[in-house]
Amino acid sequence: MEKPATTQVPIHELIARRWSPVAFAADRPVTREQITALLEAARWAPSCYGDQPWRYLVWNRHVDASAWQRAFMCLAEGNQAWVRNAPVLLLAAASSRFTHNGKENRWGRYDTGAASENLCLQATAMGLQAHQMGGFDERAVRGAFSIPEDCECMAMIAVGHPADASVVEGELAQRQLAPRARASLSERFFDGEWGNGWQ
C-alpha cells in the first residue's frame, strides 16, 4: 500500500513514500542480506566527530523466535497488537559518551535518529517497511538483553513486508488506511525569526 506525502513542492519520491504502516506480512521473512543493507544504510549516517554513537540490536523471528519474543514482550500492549506480524525487530540505542575521549556526547541521540531515518529510507527503497516506536519498556529491554548503562534506548523498529490492511482490525485498520497528515510548514518552520512561519 502506498500513501505518498502531499507536499507544496516536489520532494524525492523515496522520502515521499516513506511512512509508518501497521500491517505486516507475518509469513514473509526478511533475509539476512536485506537486514545487512538496512544496517549499512544506518552505518553511513552523519555523526558528530564521525563518532557513530548508534548501536542496533536486531531480532529476527525466523532465525531466533525466542529472542524475538523476549523483545516483543518489552513493547507496549498497543504496539504488540500489530508488531506480532513483523518478522524483524530492532532496538536503536545511543551511546552517551564519545569514543575518542570518553566525554559526554550530547549529540548522540540526534545522530542515532539520523541513522534510524537512513535505515527506514533504505527499507522503503527495498520494498520493505519500517515503523519506529517509542512505546516500549526501557527497563525491561535493558534487563532482558544486558544493554550497557552508557547507552540510551531510543526506539524499537519493526521491519517487514507490506500486507493488506485486513491483517489488522479496528482502530489499527483505520490507521493503516487513513490519509497521512502533517502540520503546515508555517507551524513548524520559521523564516528569519522564531515564530515567523515559513510561507
Foldseek 3Di string as FASTA:
>chain_A
DFFFDDDPDDDPRLVRRADAALAFAQPDFDDPVLVVLLQVLLLPFDDVVSQSQKDKDKDFCVVPVVVVVLQLVQFDPVSNQRLVRFRMKMWIKGQQAGPVPRHGDPCRLVSSVRSNVSSQSSCSVVQKHKHKDPGGHPVSVCVVPVDDPRIGGGTMMGMHHGDQLVVHDDPSSCVNPPHDDDDDQQVPPADPDPNHGDD
